[in-house]
Amino acid sequence: MKLHCLGTAGYHPSATRQTSCYFIPEASLMLDAGSGLFRVESLIHHDEISVLLSHAHLDHVFGLTFFLDFLAVTPLRKIHVYGERAKIEAIQKHLFNELMFPVLVPIQWHAIEDLGPEFVLNSARCRWFPLDHPGGSVGYRIDWPDLSIAYITDTTTSPQSAYWREIQGVDWLIHECNFSDEEIDFAIKTGHSWTSAVLESAAKAGIPRLILTHINPLACEPDPLGLAQATAKMPRLTPSQILVASDSLVIDLSSL
């Protein structure tokens, strides 16, 4: 099973990164729907797709409008979008307002509150839980019989954050790391995480493989998170356990 990183920036695109969107073709499962969604066309092999939304900020949702094209040129016939009810209502009212986008995309909306804290998504068990972010956000844990991942974005973090209890034992953690340690104050102000906080928390939680994403689009490559310096302080989490996501990166989730 492979994870395609279609968009790995937060807030707005840069010359090298589109905004948050990740896709697992074998499961026809998408995590968020930012501007990186335009890259999904060649990866759609099923007639249905499921999209899990963390929240409704534009960098995570405006790619939903791109599905109109893909209905015409791929096998796709049904689009299922999951998210909190208030976020779904905001997207329907504003993003798909006829003054904003004049053609209605035939999306089937699913309010996760109606499904309970855990629901079945094709062959997987999917669990959702709240995160700490302005306007509210949710994280997801997805368990297949032989693989598990967690998706945590748009939140501050510490080893005491409640969501770490929800993701104990996952094989892979996709976690936002919007800022380096040089911008901790702004990270806290905007409800985001920074490098050393993510590494410390993941190490204490025993996370075996960590994918850092939702990168500040203004950060300088090739080390936008100051990872080299931060990992030197975190000997319990080795560089081989950490990946910094980049656009078009494909990760084999079976390679543990």
C-alpha atoms as a PDB file:
ATOM      1  CA  MET A   1       0.000   0.000   0.000  1.00  0.00           C
ATOM      2  CA  LYS A   2       1.485   3.338  -1.047  1.00  0.00           C
ATOM      3  CA  LEU A   3       0.940   6.885   0.160  1.00  0.00           C
ATOM      4  CA  HIS A   4       1.158   9.579  -2.511  1.00  0.00           C
ATOM      5  CA  CYS A   5       2.019  13.017  -1.145  1.00  0.00           C
ATOM      6  CA  LEU A   6       0.134  15.271  -3.559  1.00  0.00           C
ATOM      7  CA  GLY A   7       0.411  18.470  -1.513  1.00  0.00           C
ATOM      8  CA  THR A   8       2.596  19.009   1.539  1.00  0.00           C
ATOM      9  CA  ALA A   9       2.447  22.744   2.335  1.00  0.00           C
ATOM     10  CA  GLY A  10       0.294  24.614   4.791  1.00  0.00           C
ATOM     11  CA  TYR A  11      -1.574  27.888   4.173  1.00  0.00           C
ATOM     12  CA  HIS A  12      -0.695  28.510   0.519  1.00  0.00           C
ATOM     13  CA  PRO A  13       1.257  26.876  -2.317  1.00  0.00           C
ATOM     14  CA  SER A  14       4.886  27.648  -3.018  1.00  0.00           C
ATOM     15  CA  ALA A  15       7.053  27.066  -6.071  1.00  0.00           C
ATOM     16  CA  THR A  16       7.677  23.495  -4.875  1.00  0.00           C
ATOM     17  CA  ARG A  17       4.720  22.596  -2.646  1.00  0.00           C
ATOM     18  CA  GLN A  18       0.941  22.560  -3.068  1.00  0.00           C
ATOM     19  CA  THR A  19      -1.367  22.515  -0.026  1.00  0.00           C
ATOM     20  CA  SER A  20      -2.412  19.465   1.952  1.00  0.00           C
ATOM     21  CA  CYS A  21      -3.579  16.397   0.065  1.00  0.00           C
ATOM     22  CA  TYR A  22      -2.526  12.744   0.412  1.00  0.00           C
ATOM     23  CA  PHE A  23      -3.847   9.699  -1.420  1.00  0.00           C
ATOM     24  CA  ILE A  24      -3.683   5.920  -1.026  1.00  0.00           C
ATOM     25  CA  PRO A  25      -4.813   4.530  -4.410  1.00  0.00           C
ATOM     26  CA  GLU A  26      -5.219   0.919  -3.263  1.00  0.00           C
ATOM     27  CA  ALA A  27      -7.775   2.031  -0.672  1.00  0.00           C
ATOM     28  CA  SER A  28      -9.116   4.916  -2.793  1.00  0.00           C
ATOM     29  CA  LEU A  29      -8.647   6.993   0.341  1.00  0.00           C
ATOM     30  CA  MET A  30      -7.715  10.683   0.407  1.00  0.00           C
ATOM     31  CA  LEU A  31      -6.610  12.723   3.412  1.00  0.00           C
ATOM     32  CA  ASP A  32      -7.639  16.355   3.010  1.00  0.00           C
ATOM     33  CA  ALA A  33      -8.294  18.106  -0.281  1.00  0.00           C
ATOM     34  CA  GLY A  34      -6.000  21.061  -0.728  1.00  0.00           C
ATOM     35  CA  SER A  35      -4.548  22.351  -3.982  1.00  0.00           C
ATOM     36  CA  GLY A  36      -2.396  19.240  -4.381  1.00  0.00           C
ATOM     37  CA  LEU A  37      -5.544  17.342  -5.337  1.00  0.00           C
ATOM     38  CA  PHE A  38      -5.013  18.333  -8.983  1.00  0.00           C
ATOM     39  CA  ARG A  39      -2.296  15.648  -9.141  1.00  0.00           C
ATOM     40  CA  VAL A  40      -4.649  12.738  -8.406  1.00  0.00           C
ATOM     41  CA  GLU A  41      -6.077  12.125 -11.885  1.00  0.00           C
ATOM     42  CA  SER A  42      -3.690   9.346 -12.988  1.00  0.00           C
ATOM     43  CA  LEU A  43      -4.042   7.613  -9.596  1.00  0.00           C
ATOM     44  CA  ILE A  44      -7.825   7.136  -9.693  1.00  0.00           C
ATOM     45  CA  HIS A  45      -8.571   3.507 -10.559  1.00  0.00           C
ATOM     46  CA  HIS A  46     -11.884   2.987  -8.733  1.00  0.00           C
ATOM     47  CA  ASP A  47     -15.389   4.351  -9.269  1.00  0.00           C
ATOM     48  CA  GLU A  48     -15.614   5.613  -5.666  1.00  0.00           C
ATOM     49  CA  ILE A  49     -13.302   7.704  -3.530  1.00  0.00           C
ATOM     50  CA  SER A  50     -13.413   8.585   0.172  1.00  0.00           C
ATOM     51  CA  VAL A  51     -12.021  11.879   1.472  1.00  0.00           C
ATOM     52  CA  LEU A  52     -11.346  12.458   5.179  1.00  0.00           C
ATOM     53  CA  LEU A  53     -11.285  16.155   6.042  1.00  0.00           C
ATOM     54  CA  SER A  54      -9.389  17.373   9.087  1.00  0.00           C
ATOM     55  CA  HIS A  55     -11.169  20.753   9.051  1.00  0.00           C
ATOM     56  CA  ALA A  56     -12.504  23.395   6.668  1.00  0.00           C
ATOM     57  CA  HIS A  57      -9.674  25.883   6.305  1.00  0.00           C
ATOM     58  CA  LEU A  58      -9.235  26.658   2.618  1.00  0.00           C
ATOM     59  CA  ASP A  59      -5.795  25.104   2.258  1.00  0.00           C
ATOM     60  CA  HIS A  60      -7.376  21.752   3.140  1.00  0.00           C
ATOM     61  CA  VAL A  61     -10.628  21.857   1.173  1.00  0.00           C
ATOM     62  CA  PHE A  62     -10.651  23.998  -1.953  1.00  0.00           C
ATOM     63  CA  GLY A  63      -9.346  21.122  -4.063  1.00  0.00           C
ATOM     64  CA  LEU A  64     -12.793  19.531  -3.686  1.00  0.00           C
ATOM     65  CA  THR A  65     -13.876  21.704  -6.592  1.00  0.00           C
ATOM     66  CA  PHE A  66     -11.320  19.947  -8.834  1.00  0.00           C
ATOM     67  CA  PHE A  67     -13.323  16.701  -8.732  1.00  0.00           C
ATOM     68  CA  LEU A  68     -15.634  18.062 -11.404  1.00  0.00           C
ATOM     69  CA  ASP A  69     -12.911  17.478 -14.011  1.00  0.00           C
ATOM     70  CA  PHE A  70     -12.028  14.010 -12.785  1.00  0.00           C
ATOM     71  CA  LEU A  71     -15.607  12.774 -13.080  1.00  0.00           C
ATOM     72  CA  ALA A  72     -15.252  13.334 -16.818  1.00  0.00           C
ATOM     73  CA  VAL A  73     -11.867  11.695 -17.420  1.00  0.00           C
ATOM     74  CA  THR A  74     -11.504   8.882 -14.838  1.00  0.00           C
ATOM     75  CA  PRO A  75     -13.615   5.890 -13.681  1.00  0.00           C
ATOM     76  CA  LEU A  76     -14.757   8.003 -10.708  1.00  0.00           C
ATOM     77  CA  ARG A  77     -18.523   8.127 -10.174  1.00  0.00           C
ATOM     78  CA  LYS A  78     -19.037   8.617  -6.418  1.00  0.00           C
ATOM     79  CA  ILE A  79     -17.236  11.023  -4.107  1.00  0.00           C
ATOM     80  CA  HIS A  80     -17.682  10.498  -0.361  1.00  0.00           C
ATOM     81  CA  VAL A  81     -16.483  13.314   1.890  1.00  0.00           C
ATOM     82  CA  TYR A  82     -16.258  12.847   5.666  1.00  0.00           C
ATOM     83  CA  GLY A  83     -15.903  15.644   8.199  1.00  0.00           C
ATOM     84  CA  GLU A  84     -17.508  17.385  11.127  1.00  0.00           C
ATOM     85  CA  ARG A  85     -21.035  18.617  10.445  1.00  0.00           C
ATOM     86  CA  ALA A  86     -20.259  22.300  11.021  1.00  0.00           C
ATOM     87  CA  LYS A  87     -17.304  22.104   8.632  1.00  0.00           C
ATOM     88  CA  ILE A  88     -19.375  20.380   5.952  1.00  0.00           C
ATOM     89  CA  GLU A  89     -22.076  23.014   6.253  1.00  0.00           C
ATOM     90  CA  ALA A  90     -19.491  25.795   5.916  1.00  0.00           C
ATOM     91  CA  ILE A  91     -18.025  24.190   2.769  1.00  0.00           C
ATOM     92  CA  GLN A  92     -21.457  23.731   1.222  1.00  0.00           C
ATOM     93  CA  LYS A  93     -22.533  27.267   2.040  1.00  0.00           C
ATOM     94  CA  HIS A  94     -19.383  29.107   1.035  1.00  0.00           C
ATOM     95  CA  LEU A  95     -17.030  27.091  -1.204  1.00  0.00           C
ATOM     96  CA  PHE A  96     -19.890  25.698  -3.271  1.00  0.00           C
ATOM     97  CA  ASN A  97     -21.897  28.892  -3.272  1.00  0.00           C
ATOM     98  CA  GLU A  98     -22.890  29.589  -6.892  1.00  0.00           C
ATOM     99  CA  LEU A  99     -21.101  32.927  -6.697  1.00  0.00           C
ATOM    100  CA  MET A 100     -17.891  31.097  -5.750  1.00  0.00           C
ATOM    101  CA  PHE A 101     -18.224  27.937  -7.857  1.00  0.00           C
ATOM    102  CA  PRO A 102     -21.155  27.821 -10.299  1.00  0.00           C
ATOM    103  CA  VAL A 103     -21.444  24.041 -10.916  1.00  0.00           C
ATOM    104  CA  LEU A 104     -22.498  21.673  -8.140  1.00  0.00           C
ATOM    105  CA  VAL A 105     -20.081  18.775  -7.645  1.00  0.00           C
ATOM    106  CA  PRO A 106     -22.093  15.611  -6.794  1.00  0.00           C
ATOM    107  CA  ILE A 107     -20.480  14.894  -3.439  1.00  0.00           C
ATOM    108  CA  GLN A 108     -22.041  12.582  -0.859  1.00  0.00           C
ATOM    109  CA  TRP A 109     -21.407  14.229   2.493  1.00  0.00           C
ATOM    110  CA  HIS A 110     -20.990  12.286   5.749  1.00  0.00           C
ATOM    111  CA  ALA A 111     -21.002  14.022   9.140  1.00  0.00           C
ATOM    112  CA  ILE A 112     -18.674  11.992  11.324  1.00  0.00           C
ATOM    113  CA  GLU A 113     -20.685  12.822  14.458  1.00  0.00           C
ATOM    114  CA  ASP A 114     -23.468  10.660  12.995  1.00  0.00           C
ATOM    115  CA  LEU A 115     -21.092   7.711  12.591  1.00  0.00           C
ATOM    116  CA  GLY A 116     -19.790   7.597  16.150  1.00  0.00           C
ATOM    117  CA  PRO A 117     -16.152   7.840  17.266  1.00  0.00           C
ATOM    118  CA  GLU A 118     -15.241   4.868  15.078  1.00  0.00           C
ATOM    119  CA  PHE A 119     -16.705   3.717  11.763  1.00  0.00           C
ATOM    120  CA  VAL A 120     -15.933   1.241   9.007  1.00  0.00           C
ATOM    121  CA  LEU A 121     -14.491   2.629   5.803  1.00  0.00           C
ATOM    122  CA  ASN A 122     -14.276  -0.111   3.180  1.00  0.00           C
ATOM    123  CA  SER A 123     -11.909  -2.668   4.755  1.00  0.00           C
ATOM    124  CA  ALA A 124     -10.572  -0.315   7.422  1.00  0.00           C
ATOM    125  CA  ARG A 125     -11.610   0.858  10.862  1.00  0.00           C
ATOM    126  CA  CYS A 126     -11.489   4.645  11.049  1.00  0.00           C
ATOM    127  CA  ARG A 127     -11.389   6.538  14.329  1.00  0.00           C
ATOM    128  CA  TRP A 128     -11.541  10.322  14.706  1.00  0.00           C
ATOM    129  CA  PHE A 129     -10.776  12.625  17.624  1.00  0.00           C
ATOM    130  CA  PRO A 130     -10.471  16.379  18.304  1.00  0.00           C
ATOM    131  CA  LEU A 131      -7.279  18.410  17.921  1.00  0.00           C
ATOM    132  CA  ASP A 132      -6.318  21.817  19.297  1.00  0.00           C
ATOM    133  CA  HIS A 133      -6.527  24.361  16.462  1.00  0.00           C
ATOM    134  CA  PRO A 134      -8.379  27.670  15.912  1.00  0.00           C
ATOM    135  CA  GLY A 135     -11.838  26.777  14.601  1.00  0.00           C
ATOM    136  CA  GLY A 136     -11.326  23.143  15.529  1.00  0.00           C
ATOM    137  CA  SER A 137      -9.724  20.232  13.703  1.00  0.00           C
ATOM    138  CA  VAL A 138      -9.841  16.442  13.938  1.00  0.00           C
ATOM    139  CA  GLY A 139      -7.266  13.711  13.575  1.00  0.00           C
ATOM    140  CA  TYR A 140      -7.818  10.245  12.161  1.00  0.00           C
ATOM    141  CA  ARG A 141      -6.524   6.765  12.854  1.00  0.00           C
ATOM    142  CA  ILE A 142      -7.061   4.192  10.100  1.00  0.00           C
ATOM    143  CA  ASP A 143      -6.519   0.497  10.819  1.00  0.00           C
ATOM    144  CA  TRP A 144      -6.422  -2.160   8.129  1.00  0.00           C
ATOM    145  CA  PRO A 145      -5.867  -5.819   9.113  1.00  0.00           C
ATOM    146  CA  ASP A 146      -2.102  -5.560   8.507  1.00  0.00           C
ATOM    147  CA  LEU A 147      -1.369  -1.817   8.588  1.00  0.00           C
ATOM    148  CA  SER A 148      -2.278   1.297  10.567  1.00  0.00           C
ATOM    149  CA  ILE A 149      -1.718   5.006  10.005  1.00  0.00           C
ATOM    150  CA  ALA A 150      -2.649   8.187  11.818  1.00  0.00           C
ATOM    151  CA  TYR A 151      -3.153  11.597  10.260  1.00  0.00           C
ATOM    152  CA  ILE A 152      -2.635  14.576  12.573  1.00  0.00           C
ATOM    153  CA  THR A 153      -2.577  18.049  11.100  1.00  0.00           C
ATOM    154  CA  ASP A 154      -3.264  21.623  12.174  1.00  0.00           C
ATOM    155  CA  THR A 155      -2.665  21.331  15.866  1.00  0.00           C
ATOM    156  CA  THR A 156      -0.208  22.257  18.550  1.00  0.00           C
ATOM    157  CA  THR A 157       1.412  19.308  20.254  1.00  0.00           C
ATOM    158  CA  SER A 158       3.162  18.183  23.405  1.00  0.00           C
ATOM    159  CA  PRO A 159       3.640  14.736  24.970  1.00  0.00           C
ATOM    160  CA  GLN A 160       0.560  15.536  27.085  1.00  0.00           C
ATOM    161  CA  SER A 161      -1.751  16.199  24.130  1.00  0.00           C
ATOM    162  CA  ALA A 162      -4.788  13.929  24.451  1.00  0.00           C
ATOM    163  CA  TYR A 163      -4.664  12.574  20.910  1.00  0.00           C
ATOM    164  CA  TRP A 164      -1.458  10.600  21.554  1.00  0.00           C
ATOM    165  CA  ARG A 165      -3.586   8.092  23.469  1.00  0.00           C
ATOM    166  CA  GLU A 166      -5.690   7.550  20.355  1.00  0.00           C
ATOM    167  CA  ILE A 167      -2.764   6.659  18.110  1.00  0.00           C
ATOM    168  CA  GLN A 168      -0.758   4.329  20.336  1.00  0.00           C
ATOM    169  CA  GLY A 169       0.655   1.437  18.317  1.00  0.00           C
ATOM    170  CA  VAL A 170       0.225   2.873  14.810  1.00  0.00           C
ATOM    171  CA  ASP A 171       2.728   1.828  12.174  1.00  0.00           C
ATOM    172  CA  TRP A 172       2.955   5.256  10.521  1.00  0.00           C
ATOM    173  CA  LEU A 173       2.196   8.747  11.780  1.00  0.00           C
ATOM    174  CA  ILE A 174       1.625  11.594   9.324  1.00  0.00           C
ATOM    175  CA  HIS A 175       2.014  14.682  11.494  1.00  0.00           C
ATOM    176  CA  GLU A 176       2.047  18.375  10.728  1.00  0.00           C
ATOM    177  CA  CYS A 177       5.240  20.291  11.413  1.00  0.00           C
ATOM    178  CA  ASN A 178       4.474  23.727  10.095  1.00  0.00           C
ATOM    179  CA  PHE A 179       7.333  25.563  11.779  1.00  0.00           C
ATOM    180  CA  SER A 180      10.949  25.120  12.822  1.00  0.00           C
ATOM    181  CA  ASP A 181      12.091  25.757  16.379  1.00  0.00           C
ATOM    182  CA  GLU A 182      12.966  29.324  15.426  1.00  0.00           C
ATOM    183  CA  GLU A 183       9.265  30.177  15.134  1.00  0.00           C
ATOM    184  CA  ILE A 184       7.749  28.636  18.255  1.00  0.00           C
ATOM    185  CA  ASP A 185       5.871  31.782  19.306  1.00  0.00           C
ATOM    186  CA  PHE A 186       4.154  32.087  15.925  1.00  0.00           C
ATOM    187  CA  ALA A 187       3.391  28.358  15.903  1.00  0.00           C
ATOM    188  CA  ILE A 188       1.557  28.691  19.210  1.00  0.00           C
ATOM    189  CA  LYS A 189      -0.263  31.828  18.036  1.00  0.00           C
ATOM    190  CA  THR A 190      -1.553  30.109  14.877  1.00  0.00           C
ATOM    191  CA  GLY A 191      -2.281  26.705  16.416  1.00  0.00           C
ATOM    192  CA  HIS A 192       0.509  24.734  14.770  1.00  0.00           C
ATOM    193  CA  SER A 193       3.423  22.491  15.733  1.00  0.00           C
ATOM    194  CA  TRP A 194       7.180  22.952  15.579  1.00  0.00           C
ATOM    195  CA  THR A 195       9.981  20.492  15.002  1.00  0.00           C
ATOM    196  CA  SER A 196      11.320  19.631  18.451  1.00  0.00           C
ATOM    197  CA  ALA A 197       7.797  19.384  19.945  1.00  0.00           C
ATOM    198  CA  VAL A 198       6.731  16.856  17.307  1.00  0.00           C
ATOM    199  CA  LEU A 199       9.933  14.809  17.616  1.00  0.00           C
ATOM    200  CA  GLU A 200       9.828  14.742  21.421  1.00  0.00           C
ATOM    201  CA  SER A 201       6.149  13.769  21.503  1.00  0.00           C
ATOM    202  CA  ALA A 202       6.522  11.075  18.836  1.00  0.00           C
ATOM    203  CA  ALA A 203       9.564   9.596  20.572  1.00  0.00           C
ATOM    204  CA  LYS A 204       7.761   9.397  23.919  1.00  0.00           C
ATOM    205  CA  ALA A 205       4.764   7.779  22.197  1.00  0.00           C
ATOM    206  CA  GLY A 206       6.997   5.134  20.611  1.00  0.00           C
ATOM    207  CA  ILE A 207       6.072   6.039  17.030  1.00  0.00           C
ATOM    208  CA  PRO A 208       8.107   3.788  14.678  1.00  0.00           C
ATOM    209  CA  ARG A 209       7.790   5.825  11.455  1.00  0.00           C
ATOM    210  CA  LEU A 210       7.059   9.553  11.275  1.00  0.00           C
ATOM    211  CA  ILE A 211       6.140  11.594   8.198  1.00  0.00           C
ATOM    212  CA  LEU A 212       6.416  15.355   8.743  1.00  0.00           C
ATOM    213  CA  THR A 213       4.189  17.501   6.574  1.00  0.00           C
ATOM    214  CA  HIS A 214       2.124  20.735   6.319  1.00  0.00           C
ATOM    215  CA  ILE A 215       5.368  22.639   5.837  1.00  0.00           C
ATOM    216  CA  ASN A 216       5.538  26.427   6.008  1.00  0.00           C
ATOM    217  CA  PRO A 217       5.617  27.512   2.327  1.00  0.00           C
ATOM    218  CA  LEU A 218       8.046  30.319   3.193  1.00  0.00           C
ATOM    219  CA  ALA A 219      10.586  27.943   4.757  1.00  0.00           C
ATOM    220  CA  CYS A 220      13.894  27.448   3.006  1.00  0.00           C
ATOM    221  CA  GLU A 221      14.683  24.117   1.399  1.00  0.00           C
ATOM    222  CA  PRO A 222      16.369  21.625   1.626  1.00  0.00           C
ATOM    223  CA  ASP A 223      15.871  21.506   5.420  1.00  0.00           C
ATOM    224  CA  PRO A 224      12.761  23.641   6.017  1.00  0.00           C
ATOM    225  CA  LEU A 225      12.247  22.303   9.547  1.00  0.00           C
ATOM    226  CA  GLY A 226      15.783  22.528  10.887  1.00  0.00           C
ATOM    227  CA  LEU A 227      15.577  18.768  11.216  1.00  0.00           C
ATOM    228  CA  ALA A 228      19.308  18.134  11.251  1.00  0.00           C
ATOM    229  CA  GLN A 229      19.736  20.238  14.373  1.00  0.00           C
ATOM    230  CA  ALA A 230      16.559  18.990  16.066  1.00  0.00           C
ATOM    231  CA  THR A 231      17.303  15.284  15.597  1.00  0.00           C
ATOM    232  CA  ALA A 232      20.720  15.754  17.168  1.00  0.00           C
ATOM    233  CA  LYS A 233      18.843  16.594  20.390  1.00  0.00           C
ATOM    234  CA  MET A 234      16.449  13.621  20.073  1.00  0.00           C
ATOM    235  CA  PRO A 235      18.581  10.455  20.095  1.00  0.00           C
ATOM    236  CA  ARG A 236      15.552   8.241  20.762  1.00  0.00           C
ATOM    237  CA  LEU A 237      14.127   9.045  17.328  1.00  0.00           C
ATOM    238  CA  THR A 238      16.708   8.304  14.661  1.00  0.00           C
ATOM    239  CA  PRO A 239      16.838  10.000  11.233  1.00  0.00           C
ATOM    240  CA  SER A 240      15.933   6.674   9.603  1.00  0.00           C
ATOM    241  CA  GLN A 241      12.550   6.820  11.351  1.00  0.00           C
ATOM    242  CA  ILE A 242      11.685  10.282  10.009  1.00  0.00           C
ATOM    243  CA  LEU A 243      10.615  11.425   6.559  1.00  0.00           C
ATOM    244  CA  VAL A 244       9.946  15.023   5.560  1.00  0.00           C
ATOM    245  CA  ALA A 245       7.154  14.851   2.993  1.00  0.00           C
ATOM    246  CA  SER A 246       7.637  16.562  -0.347  1.00  0.00           C
ATOM    247  CA  ASP A 247       5.246  16.932  -3.241  1.00  0.00           C
ATOM    248  CA  SER A 248       5.017  13.832  -5.465  1.00  0.00           C
ATOM    249  CA  LEU A 249       6.878  11.713  -2.908  1.00  0.00           C
ATOM    250  CA  VAL A 250       5.529   8.138  -2.854  1.00  0.00           C
ATOM    251  CA  ILE A 251       5.945   6.195   0.387  1.00  0.00           C
ATOM    252  CA  ASP A 252       5.621   2.418   0.529  1.00  0.00           C
ATOM    253  CA  LEU A 253       3.694   1.924   3.775  1.00  0.00           C
ATOM    254  CA  SER A 254       4.541  -1.786   3.827  1.00  0.00           C
ATOM    255  CA  SER A 255       8.258  -1.027   4.301  1.00  0.00           C
ATOM    256  CA  LEU A 256       8.383  -0.931   8.081  1.00  0.00           C
END
